[in-house]
Amino acid sequence: GKGAPATARGGNGVAELLAEPVLDRERLLNDTVNTGVMAALIGGFALSTMQMGMVVPGEAAEQLTVVIYMLSVVSVHMCTCSSLSSAFLYRQINALGDDAACVWAARRPQHPPHPSHPFHP
């Protein structure tokens, strides 16, 4: 019935929810877009931090201000590269057929199947 546990409905509950997602072209395209959006958002926050003209009070203020600024510069550039890479990957995956996209992704195990992969158990 409605309230029956997942195992009674034919699934295996938590293990089914935590299972690795099935690889298909649409999932690859969506995950590539999500990666680019995350990079753009994080880069935008880093850029806004740079533009705030933040001044750190205290004795080591100048050094800390320079460190924060330099880390923001690096973050903006890395996020821009990530966002551009996502756009190029999207273009590549979009040009492939369904089966070819799965083969293409399977040949690149260094790329996680989705951007939040490190956060899954």
Foldseek 3Di string as FASTA:
>chain_A
DVPDAPVVVPDDHPCVVLDDDDDWLVLQLVQLQVQLVVLVVQLVVLVVVLVVPDFDDDDCGVVVVVVSNVVSVVSNVVSVVSNVVSVVVSVVSVVDDTVVSRVVVVVCVVDDSHPCVVVRD
